[in-house]
């Protein structure tokens, strides 16, 4: 489920994040947000210090943003699972820490 655990990379393009989000949203049965809305949420997350966004020059493909999670992925996931019941099925029998 988590991009950060699926490979050795630590930074992911907006497209990478959106593609994974799209899969998760479909898995939990929620309406998928537009690419632009996910981009706005990523920018807000950077403003709040949860992620960091860096503009990358892609040459012929143009510029894009790479996003890096600044917090422990397990802490972020725990916060999401505690606050959103629909995501709990992604982690099986999730028990929030006490």
PDB file of N, CA and C in Angstrom:
ATOM      1  N   UNK A   1       0.813  -1.193   0.000  1.00  0.00           N
ATOM      2  CA  UNK A   1       0.000   0.000   0.000  1.00  0.00           C
ATOM      3  C   UNK A   1       0.858   1.259   0.000  1.00  0.00           C
ATOM      4  N   UNK A   2       1.908   1.263   0.796  1.00  0.00           N
ATOM      5  CA  UNK A   2       2.690   2.480   0.951  1.00  0.00           C
ATOM      6  C   UNK A   2       3.771   2.566  -0.128  1.00  0.00           C
ATOM      7  N   UNK A   3       3.887   3.709  -0.761  1.00  0.00           N
ATOM      8  CA  UNK A   3       4.953   3.924  -1.731  1.00  0.00           C
ATOM      9  C   UNK A   3       6.319   3.772  -1.081  1.00  0.00           C
ATOM     10  N   UNK A   4       6.462   4.274   0.137  1.00  0.00           N
ATOM     11  CA  UNK A   4       7.765   4.270   0.786  1.00  0.00           C
ATOM     12  C   UNK A   4       8.245   2.873   1.137  1.00  0.00           C
ATOM     13  N   UNK A   5       7.353   1.913   1.258  1.00  0.00           N
ATOM     14  CA  UNK A   5       7.756   0.542   1.547  1.00  0.00           C
ATOM     15  C   UNK A   5       7.834  -0.323   0.295  1.00  0.00           C
ATOM     16  N   UNK A   6       7.365   0.186  -0.833  1.00  0.00           N
ATOM     17  CA  UNK A   6       7.313  -0.636  -2.030  1.00  0.00           C
ATOM     18  C   UNK A   6       8.619  -0.625  -2.825  1.00  0.00           C
ATOM     19  N   UNK A   7       9.514   0.287  -2.518  1.00  0.00           N
ATOM     20  CA  UNK A   7      10.815   0.308  -3.180  1.00  0.00           C
ATOM     21  C   UNK A   7      11.776   1.174  -2.374  1.00  0.00           C
ATOM     22  N   UNK A   8      12.981   1.345  -2.894  1.00  0.00           N
ATOM     23  CA  UNK A   8      14.016   2.069  -2.161  1.00  0.00           C
ATOM     24  C   UNK A   8      13.960   3.582  -2.367  1.00  0.00           C
ATOM     25  N   UNK A   9      13.065   4.059  -3.181  1.00  0.00           N
ATOM     26  CA  UNK A   9      12.976   5.499  -3.428  1.00  0.00           C
ATOM     27  C   UNK A   9      12.369   6.205  -2.229  1.00  0.00           C
ATOM     28  N   UNK A  10      12.743   7.466  -2.075  1.00  0.00           N
ATOM     29  CA  UNK A  10      12.191   8.268  -0.988  1.00  0.00           C
ATOM     30  C   UNK A  10      11.390   9.460  -1.504  1.00  0.00           C
ATOM     31  N   UNK A  11      11.560   9.778  -2.798  1.00  0.00           N
ATOM     32  CA  UNK A  11      10.832  10.888  -3.403  1.00  0.00           C
ATOM     33  C   UNK A  11      10.008  10.337  -4.566  1.00  0.00           C
ATOM     34  N   UNK A  12       8.792  10.874  -4.701  1.00  0.00           N
ATOM     35  CA  UNK A  12       7.872  10.376  -5.714  1.00  0.00           C
ATOM     36  C   UNK A  12       7.231  11.538  -6.438  1.00  0.00           C
ATOM     37  N   UNK A  13       7.110  11.400  -7.753  1.00  0.00           N
ATOM     38  CA  UNK A  13       6.471  12.455  -8.543  1.00  0.00           C
ATOM     39  C   UNK A  13       4.984  12.526  -8.195  1.00  0.00           C
ATOM     40  N   UNK A  14       4.395  13.645  -8.547  1.00  0.00           N
ATOM     41  CA  UNK A  14       2.962  13.820  -8.335  1.00  0.00           C
ATOM     42  C   UNK A  14       2.199  12.702  -9.043  1.00  0.00           C
ATOM     43  N   UNK A  15       2.644  12.327 -10.230  1.00  0.00           N
ATOM     44  CA  UNK A  15       1.988  11.254 -10.981  1.00  0.00           C
ATOM     45  C   UNK A  15       2.081   9.924 -10.248  1.00  0.00           C
ATOM     46  N   UNK A  16       3.248   9.618  -9.661  1.00  0.00           N
ATOM     47  CA  UNK A  16       3.402   8.386  -8.879  1.00  0.00           C
ATOM     48  C   UNK A  16       2.432   8.367  -7.706  1.00  0.00           C
ATOM     49  N   UNK A  17       2.364   9.479  -6.981  1.00  0.00           N
ATOM     50  CA  UNK A  17       1.477   9.580  -5.824  1.00  0.00           C
ATOM     51  C   UNK A  17       0.031   9.435  -6.278  1.00  0.00           C
ATOM     52  N   UNK A  18      -0.335  10.116  -7.358  1.00  0.00           N
ATOM     53  CA  UNK A  18      -1.717  10.057  -7.843  1.00  0.00           C
ATOM     54  C   UNK A  18      -2.095   8.642  -8.275  1.00  0.00           C
ATOM     55  N   UNK A  19      -1.195   7.977  -8.982  1.00  0.00           N
ATOM     56  CA  UNK A  19      -1.492   6.617  -9.437  1.00  0.00           C
ATOM     57  C   UNK A  19      -1.752   5.685  -8.252  1.00  0.00           C
ATOM     58  N   UNK A  20      -0.918   5.772  -7.212  1.00  0.00           N
ATOM     59  CA  UNK A  20      -1.112   4.921  -6.038  1.00  0.00           C
ATOM     60  C   UNK A  20      -2.393   5.313  -5.296  1.00  0.00           C
ATOM     61  N   UNK A  21      -2.615   6.621  -5.165  1.00  0.00           N
ATOM     62  CA  UNK A  21      -3.850   7.100  -4.530  1.00  0.00           C
ATOM     63  C   UNK A  21      -5.073   6.553  -5.265  1.00  0.00           C
ATOM     64  N   UNK A  22      -5.045   6.598  -6.576  1.00  0.00           N
ATOM     65  CA  UNK A  22      -6.157   6.134  -7.401  1.00  0.00           C
ATOM     66  C   UNK A  22      -6.471   4.671  -7.094  1.00  0.00           C
ATOM     67  N   UNK A  23      -5.440   3.827  -6.978  1.00  0.00           N
ATOM     68  CA  UNK A  23      -5.637   2.416  -6.645  1.00  0.00           C
ATOM     69  C   UNK A  23      -6.262   2.248  -5.266  1.00  0.00           C
ATOM     70  N   UNK A  24      -5.745   2.998  -4.292  1.00  0.00           N
ATOM     71  CA  UNK A  24      -6.251   2.900  -2.920  1.00  0.00           C
ATOM     72  C   UNK A  24      -7.697   3.375  -2.854  1.00  0.00           C
ATOM     73  N   UNK A  25      -7.985   4.488  -3.492  1.00  0.00           N
ATOM     74  CA  UNK A  25      -9.355   5.027  -3.469  1.00  0.00           C
ATOM     75  C   UNK A  25     -10.340   4.024  -4.062  1.00  0.00           C
ATOM     76  N   UNK A  26      -9.963   3.396  -5.136  1.00  0.00           N
ATOM     77  CA  UNK A  26     -10.845   2.393  -5.753  1.00  0.00           C
ATOM     78  C   UNK A  26     -10.997   1.173  -4.842  1.00  0.00           C
ATOM     79  N   UNK A  27      -9.905   0.770  -4.186  1.00  0.00           N
ATOM     80  CA  UNK A  27      -9.949  -0.378  -3.277  1.00  0.00           C
ATOM     81  C   UNK A  27     -10.905  -0.156  -2.112  1.00  0.00           C
ATOM     82  N   UNK A  28     -10.944   1.065  -1.600  1.00  0.00           N
ATOM     83  CA  UNK A  28     -11.808   1.334  -0.441  1.00  0.00           C
ATOM     84  C   UNK A  28     -13.182   1.848  -0.853  1.00  0.00           C
ATOM     85  N   UNK A  29     -13.407   2.026  -2.154  1.00  0.00           N
ATOM     86  CA  UNK A  29     -14.736   2.382  -2.641  1.00  0.00           C
ATOM     87  C   UNK A  29     -15.119   3.837  -2.463  1.00  0.00           C
ATOM     88  N   UNK A  30     -14.154   4.743  -2.590  1.00  0.00           N
ATOM     89  CA  UNK A  30     -14.483   6.166  -2.505  1.00  0.00           C
ATOM     90  C   UNK A  30     -14.306   6.807  -3.880  1.00  0.00           C
ATOM     91  N   UNK A  31     -14.973   7.934  -4.070  1.00  0.00           N
ATOM     92  CA  UNK A  31     -14.816   8.668  -5.314  1.00  0.00           C
ATOM     93  C   UNK A  31     -13.380   9.159  -5.437  1.00  0.00           C
ATOM     94  N   UNK A  32     -12.823   9.021  -6.629  1.00  0.00           N
ATOM     95  CA  UNK A  32     -11.446   9.430  -6.879  1.00  0.00           C
ATOM     96  C   UNK A  32     -11.405  10.930  -7.142  1.00  0.00           C
ATOM     97  N   UNK A  33     -10.516  11.620  -6.438  1.00  0.00           N
ATOM     98  CA  UNK A  33     -10.327  13.055  -6.655  1.00  0.00           C
ATOM     99  C   UNK A  33      -9.577  13.281  -7.958  1.00  0.00           C
ATOM    100  N   UNK A  34      -9.686  14.470  -8.507  1.00  0.00           N
ATOM    101  CA  UNK A  34      -8.971  14.805  -9.734  1.00  0.00           C
ATOM    102  C   UNK A  34      -7.474  14.927  -9.452  1.00  0.00           C
ATOM    103  N   UNK A  35      -6.694  14.818 -10.503  1.00  0.00           N
ATOM    104  CA  UNK A  35      -5.247  14.995 -10.389  1.00  0.00           C
ATOM    105  C   UNK A  35      -4.933  16.358  -9.778  1.00  0.00           C
ATOM    106  N   UNK A  36      -5.626  17.404 -10.246  1.00  0.00           N
ATOM    107  CA  UNK A  36      -5.380  18.759  -9.739  1.00  0.00           C
ATOM    108  C   UNK A  36      -5.661  18.862  -8.243  1.00  0.00           C
ATOM    109  N   UNK A  37      -6.713  18.199  -7.773  1.00  0.00           N
ATOM    110  CA  UNK A  37      -7.030  18.258  -6.336  1.00  0.00           C
ATOM    111  C   UNK A  37      -5.972  17.534  -5.513  1.00  0.00           C
ATOM    112  N   UNK A  38      -5.487  16.402  -5.988  1.00  0.00           N
ATOM    113  CA  UNK A  38      -4.417  15.689  -5.279  1.00  0.00           C
ATOM    114  C   UNK A  38      -3.152  16.547  -5.268  1.00  0.00           C
ATOM    115  N   UNK A  39      -2.862  17.214  -6.368  1.00  0.00           N
ATOM    116  CA  UNK A  39      -1.719  18.126  -6.436  1.00  0.00           C
ATOM    117  C   UNK A  39      -1.861  19.227  -5.370  1.00  0.00           C
ATOM    118  N   UNK A  40      -3.057  19.800  -5.242  1.00  0.00           N
ATOM    119  CA  UNK A  40      -3.290  20.835  -4.222  1.00  0.00           C
ATOM    120  C   UNK A  40      -3.089  20.278  -2.815  1.00  0.00           C
ATOM    121  N   UNK A  41      -3.571  19.079  -2.568  1.00  0.00           N
ATOM    122  CA  UNK A  41      -3.406  18.456  -1.251  1.00  0.00           C
ATOM    123  C   UNK A  41      -1.927  18.214  -0.953  1.00  0.00           C
ATOM    124  N   UNK A  42      -1.169  17.798  -1.949  1.00  0.00           N
ATOM    125  CA  UNK A  42       0.274  17.603  -1.752  1.00  0.00           C
ATOM    126  C   UNK A  42       0.960  18.929  -1.419  1.00  0.00           C
ATOM    127  N   UNK A  43       0.558  19.990  -2.085  1.00  0.00           N
ATOM    128  CA  UNK A  43       1.124  21.319  -1.790  1.00  0.00           C
ATOM    129  C   UNK A  43       0.761  21.749  -0.368  1.00  0.00           C
ATOM    130  N   UNK A  44      -0.481  21.493   0.050  1.00  0.00           N
ATOM    131  CA  UNK A  44      -0.902  21.821   1.414  1.00  0.00           C
ATOM    132  C   UNK A  44      -0.106  21.003   2.433  1.00  0.00           C
ATOM    133  N   UNK A  45       0.142  19.742   2.132  1.00  0.00           N
ATOM    134  CA  UNK A  45       0.924  18.883   3.021  1.00  0.00           C
ATOM    135  C   UNK A  45       2.347  19.404   3.175  1.00  0.00           C
ATOM    136  N   UNK A  46       2.906  19.933   2.093  1.00  0.00           N
ATOM    137  CA  UNK A  46       4.246  20.520   2.158  1.00  0.00           C
ATOM    138  C   UNK A  46       4.225  21.774   3.029  1.00  0.00           C
ATOM    139  N   UNK A  47       3.199  22.585   2.876  1.00  0.00           N
ATOM    140  CA  UNK A  47       3.066  23.790   3.683  1.00  0.00           C
ATOM    141  C   UNK A  47       2.984  23.442   5.165  1.00  0.00           C
ATOM    142  N   UNK A  48       2.304  22.339   5.489  1.00  0.00           N
ATOM    143  CA  UNK A  48       2.128  21.922   6.876  1.00  0.00           C
ATOM    144  C   UNK A  48       3.338  21.164   7.430  1.00  0.00           C
ATOM    145  N   UNK A  49       4.315  20.882   6.586  1.00  0.00           N
ATOM    146  CA  UNK A  49       5.528  20.213   7.044  1.00  0.00           C
ATOM    147  C   UNK A  49       5.425  18.705   7.118  1.00  0.00           C
ATOM    148  N   UNK A  50       4.410  18.138   6.495  1.00  0.00           N
ATOM    149  CA  UNK A  50       4.272  16.685   6.471  1.00  0.00           C
ATOM    150  C   UNK A  50       5.086  16.096   5.325  1.00  0.00           C
ATOM    151  N   UNK A  51       5.107  16.812   4.220  1.00  0.00           N
ATOM    152  CA  UNK A  51       5.901  16.411   3.060  1.00  0.00           C
ATOM    153  C   UNK A  51       6.786  17.576   2.628  1.00  0.00           C
ATOM    154  N   UNK A  52       7.700  17.261   1.731  1.00  0.00           N
ATOM    155  CA  UNK A  52       8.527  18.289   1.110  1.00  0.00           C
ATOM    156  C   UNK A  52       8.381  18.107  -0.395  1.00  0.00           C
ATOM    157  N   UNK A  53       8.212  19.197  -1.112  1.00  0.00           N
ATOM    158  CA  UNK A  53       8.076  19.148  -2.561  1.00  0.00           C
ATOM    159  C   UNK A  53       9.253  19.875  -3.182  1.00  0.00           C
ATOM    160  N   UNK A  54       9.843  19.223  -4.184  1.00  0.00           N
ATOM    161  CA  UNK A  54      10.999  19.812  -4.865  1.00  0.00           C
ATOM    162  C   UNK A  54      10.741  19.798  -6.365  1.00  0.00           C
ATOM    163  N   UNK A  55      10.944  20.955  -6.991  1.00  0.00           N
ATOM    164  CA  UNK A  55      10.751  21.067  -8.435  1.00  0.00           C
ATOM    165  C   UNK A  55      11.947  20.427  -9.141  1.00  0.00           C
ATOM    166  N   UNK A  56      11.657  19.522 -10.075  1.00  0.00           N
ATOM    167  CA  UNK A  56      12.683  18.791 -10.813  1.00  0.00           C
ATOM    168  C   UNK A  56      12.557  19.140 -12.291  1.00  0.00           C
ATOM    169  N   UNK A  57      13.692  19.374 -12.928  1.00  0.00           N
ATOM    170  CA  UNK A  57      13.697  19.618 -14.359  1.00  0.00           C
ATOM    171  C   UNK A  57      13.746  18.281 -15.074  1.00  0.00           C
ATOM    172  N   UNK A  58      12.712  18.009 -15.849  1.00  0.00           N
ATOM    173  CA  UNK A  58      12.621  16.732 -16.541  1.00  0.00           C
ATOM    174  C   UNK A  58      13.080  16.785 -17.978  1.00  0.00           C
ATOM    175  N   UNK A  59      13.782  17.835 -18.357  1.00  0.00           N
ATOM    176  CA  UNK A  59      14.252  17.936 -19.735  1.00  0.00           C
ATOM    177  C   UNK A  59      13.101  18.088 -20.699  1.00  0.00           C
ATOM    178  N   UNK A  60      13.065  17.219 -21.691  1.00  0.00           N
ATOM    179  CA  UNK A  60      12.006  17.275 -22.703  1.00  0.00           C
ATOM    180  C   UNK A  60      10.617  17.074 -22.117  1.00  0.00           C
ATOM    181  N   UNK A  61      10.553  16.313 -21.021  1.00  0.00           N
ATOM    182  CA  UNK A  61       9.252  16.027 -20.423  1.00  0.00           C
ATOM    183  C   UNK A  61       8.738  17.168 -19.566  1.00  0.00           C
ATOM    184  N   UNK A  62       9.508  18.214 -19.397  1.00  0.00           N
ATOM    185  CA  UNK A  62       9.071  19.357 -18.611  1.00  0.00           C
ATOM    186  C   UNK A  62       9.411  19.217 -17.142  1.00  0.00           C
ATOM    187  N   UNK A  63       9.000  20.192 -16.383  1.00  0.00           N
ATOM    188  CA  UNK A  63       9.256  20.186 -14.948  1.00  0.00           C
ATOM    189  C   UNK A  63       8.170  19.416 -14.214  1.00  0.00           C
ATOM    190  N   UNK A  64       8.542  18.864 -13.064  1.00  0.00           N
ATOM    191  CA  UNK A  64       7.574  18.174 -12.225  1.00  0.00           C
ATOM    192  C   UNK A  64       8.015  18.296 -10.775  1.00  0.00           C
ATOM    193  N   UNK A  65       7.131  17.933  -9.871  1.00  0.00           N
ATOM    194  CA  UNK A  65       7.452  17.970  -8.446  1.00  0.00           C
ATOM    195  C   UNK A  65       7.711  16.566  -7.929  1.00  0.00           C
ATOM    196  N   UNK A  66       8.755  16.430  -7.132  1.00  0.00           N
ATOM    197  CA  UNK A  66       9.008  15.222  -6.372  1.00  0.00           C
ATOM    198  C   UNK A  66       8.591  15.497  -4.936  1.00  0.00           C
ATOM    199  N   UNK A  67       7.897  14.560  -4.325  1.00  0.00           N
ATOM    200  CA  UNK A  67       7.387  14.718  -2.966  1.00  0.00           C
ATOM    201  C   UNK A  67       8.061  13.701  -2.052  1.00  0.00           C
ATOM    202  N   UNK A  68       8.492  14.169  -0.904  1.00  0.00           N
ATOM    203  CA  UNK A  68       9.135  13.323   0.086  1.00  0.00           C
ATOM    204  C   UNK A  68       8.368  13.436   1.393  1.00  0.00           C
ATOM    205  N   UNK A  69       8.081  12.301   1.994  1.00  0.00           N
ATOM    206  CA  UNK A  69       7.411  12.289   3.285  1.00  0.00           C
ATOM    207  C   UNK A  69       8.437  12.613   4.368  1.00  0.00           C
ATOM    208  N   UNK A  70       8.150  13.626   5.176  1.00  0.00           N
ATOM    209  CA  UNK A  70       9.086  14.061   6.215  1.00  0.00           C
ATOM    210  C   UNK A  70       8.841  13.398   7.557  1.00  0.00           C
ATOM    211  N   UNK A  71       7.740  12.715   7.688  1.00  0.00           N
ATOM    212  CA  UNK A  71       7.376  12.061   8.947  1.00  0.00           C
ATOM    213  C   UNK A  71       7.478  10.555   8.765  1.00  0.00           C
ATOM    214  N   UNK A  72       7.542   9.844   9.874  1.00  0.00           N
ATOM    215  CA  UNK A  72       7.589   8.389   9.844  1.00  0.00           C
ATOM    216  C   UNK A  72       6.328   7.871   9.142  1.00  0.00           C
ATOM    217  N   UNK A  73       6.473   7.064   8.088  1.00  0.00           N
ATOM    218  CA  UNK A  73       5.298   6.581   7.356  1.00  0.00           C
ATOM    219  C   UNK A  73       4.303   5.834   8.239  1.00  0.00           C
ATOM    220  N   UNK A  74       4.795   5.093   9.219  1.00  0.00           N
ATOM    221  CA  UNK A  74       3.882   4.356  10.094  1.00  0.00           C
ATOM    222  C   UNK A  74       3.064   5.293  10.970  1.00  0.00           C
ATOM    223  N   UNK A  75       3.644   6.404  11.387  1.00  0.00           N
ATOM    224  CA  UNK A  75       2.909   7.383  12.196  1.00  0.00           C
ATOM    225  C   UNK A  75       1.820   8.039  11.346  1.00  0.00           C
ATOM    226  N   UNK A  76       2.158   8.397  10.112  1.00  0.00           N
ATOM    227  CA  UNK A  76       1.179   9.016   9.217  1.00  0.00           C
ATOM    228  C   UNK A  76       0.052   8.036   8.915  1.00  0.00           C
ATOM    229  N   UNK A  77       0.405   6.784   8.618  1.00  0.00           N
ATOM    230  CA  UNK A  77      -0.611   5.780   8.327  1.00  0.00           C
ATOM    231  C   UNK A  77      -1.499   5.537   9.539  1.00  0.00           C
ATOM    232  N   UNK A  78      -0.914   5.470  10.714  1.00  0.00           N
ATOM    233  CA  UNK A  78      -1.695   5.282  11.933  1.00  0.00           C
ATOM    234  C   UNK A  78      -2.698   6.420  12.099  1.00  0.00           C
ATOM    235  N   UNK A  79      -2.259   7.652  11.876  1.00  0.00           N
ATOM    236  CA  UNK A  79      -3.161   8.800  11.995  1.00  0.00           C
ATOM    237  C   UNK A  79      -4.306   8.700  10.991  1.00  0.00           C
ATOM    238  N   UNK A  80      -4.012   8.265   9.792  1.00  0.00           N
ATOM    239  CA  UNK A  80      -5.065   8.115   8.777  1.00  0.00           C
ATOM    240  C   UNK A  80      -6.044   7.015   9.152  1.00  0.00           C
ATOM    241  N   UNK A  81      -5.519   5.897   9.632  1.00  0.00           N
ATOM    242  CA  UNK A  81      -6.384   4.764   9.960  1.00  0.00           C
ATOM    243  C   UNK A  81      -7.267   5.047  11.166  1.00  0.00           C
ATOM    244  N   UNK A  82      -6.754   5.812  12.114  1.00  0.00           N
ATOM    245  CA  UNK A  82      -7.545   6.160  13.298  1.00  0.00           C
ATOM    246  C   UNK A  82      -8.701   7.077  12.911  1.00  0.00           C
ATOM    247  N   UNK A  83      -8.476   7.947  11.935  1.00  0.00           N
ATOM    248  CA  UNK A  83      -9.470   8.955  11.578  1.00  0.00           C
ATOM    249  C   UNK A  83     -10.365   8.579  10.403  1.00  0.00           C
ATOM    250  N   UNK A  84     -10.076   7.495   9.724  1.00  0.00           N
ATOM    251  CA  UNK A  84     -10.852   7.150   8.533  1.00  0.00           C
ATOM    252  C   UNK A  84     -11.130   5.652   8.503  1.00  0.00           C
ATOM    253  N   UNK A  85     -12.326   5.281   8.921  1.00  0.00           N
ATOM    254  CA  UNK A  85     -12.702   3.872   9.010  1.00  0.00           C
ATOM    255  C   UNK A  85     -12.576   3.130   7.685  1.00  0.00           C
ATOM    256  N   UNK A  86     -12.833   3.816   6.581  1.00  0.00           N
ATOM    257  CA  UNK A  86     -12.799   3.137   5.280  1.00  0.00           C
ATOM    258  C   UNK A  86     -11.413   2.626   4.924  1.00  0.00           C
ATOM    259  N   UNK A  87     -10.357   3.228   5.503  1.00  0.00           N
ATOM    260  CA  UNK A  87      -8.991   2.802   5.188  1.00  0.00           C
ATOM    261  C   UNK A  87      -8.541   1.604   6.006  1.00  0.00           C
ATOM    262  N   UNK A  88      -9.235   1.279   7.056  1.00  0.00           N
ATOM    263  CA  UNK A  88      -8.796   0.205   7.951  1.00  0.00           C
ATOM    264  C   UNK A  88      -8.674  -1.135   7.248  1.00  0.00           C
ATOM    265  N   UNK A  89      -9.495  -1.384   6.240  1.00  0.00           N
ATOM    266  CA  UNK A  89      -9.424  -2.672   5.569  1.00  0.00           C
ATOM    267  C   UNK A  89      -8.112  -2.843   4.793  1.00  0.00           C
ATOM    268  N   UNK A  90      -7.420  -1.756   4.522  1.00  0.00           N
ATOM    269  CA  UNK A  90      -6.153  -1.843   3.806  1.00  0.00           C
ATOM    270  C   UNK A  90      -5.047  -2.447   4.671  1.00  0.00           C
ATOM    271  N   UNK A  91      -5.168  -2.345   5.938  1.00  0.00           N
ATOM    272  CA  UNK A  91      -4.167  -2.871   6.850  1.00  0.00           C
ATOM    273  C   UNK A  91      -4.676  -4.062   7.641  1.00  0.00           C
ATOM    274  N   UNK A  92      -5.764  -4.665   7.207  1.00  0.00           N
ATOM    275  CA  UNK A  92      -6.294  -5.827   7.906  1.00  0.00           C
ATOM    276  C   UNK A  92      -6.942  -5.414   9.216  1.00  0.00           C
ATOM    277  N   UNK A  93      -6.666  -6.140  10.262  1.00  0.00           N
ATOM    278  CA  UNK A  93      -7.238  -5.851  11.581  1.00  0.00           C
ATOM    279  C   UNK A  93      -6.374  -4.824  12.274  1.00  0.00           C
ATOM    280  N   UNK A  94      -6.572  -3.575  11.954  1.00  0.00           N
ATOM    281  CA  UNK A  94      -5.778  -2.486  12.523  1.00  0.00           C
ATOM    282  C   UNK A  94      -6.219  -2.178  13.941  1.00  0.00           C
ATOM    283  N   UNK A  95      -5.233  -2.124  14.839  1.00  0.00           N
ATOM    284  CA  UNK A  95      -5.507  -1.720  16.215  1.00  0.00           C
ATOM    285  C   UNK A  95      -4.675  -0.490  16.502  1.00  0.00           C
ATOM    286  N   UNK A  96      -5.300   0.661  16.775  1.00  0.00           N
ATOM    287  CA  UNK A  96      -4.537   1.870  17.026  1.00  0.00           C
ATOM    288  C   UNK A  96      -3.698   1.716  18.288  1.00  0.00           C
ATOM    289  N   UNK A  97      -2.501   2.341  18.307  1.00  0.00           N
ATOM    290  CA  UNK A  97      -1.673   2.289  19.502  1.00  0.00           C
ATOM    291  C   UNK A  97      -2.354   3.025  20.653  1.00  0.00           C
ATOM    292  N   UNK A  98      -2.106   2.579  21.875  1.00  0.00           N
ATOM    293  CA  UNK A  98      -2.717   3.211  23.036  1.00  0.00           C
ATOM    294  C   UNK A  98      -1.731   4.125  23.726  1.00  0.00           C
TER     295      UNK A  98
END
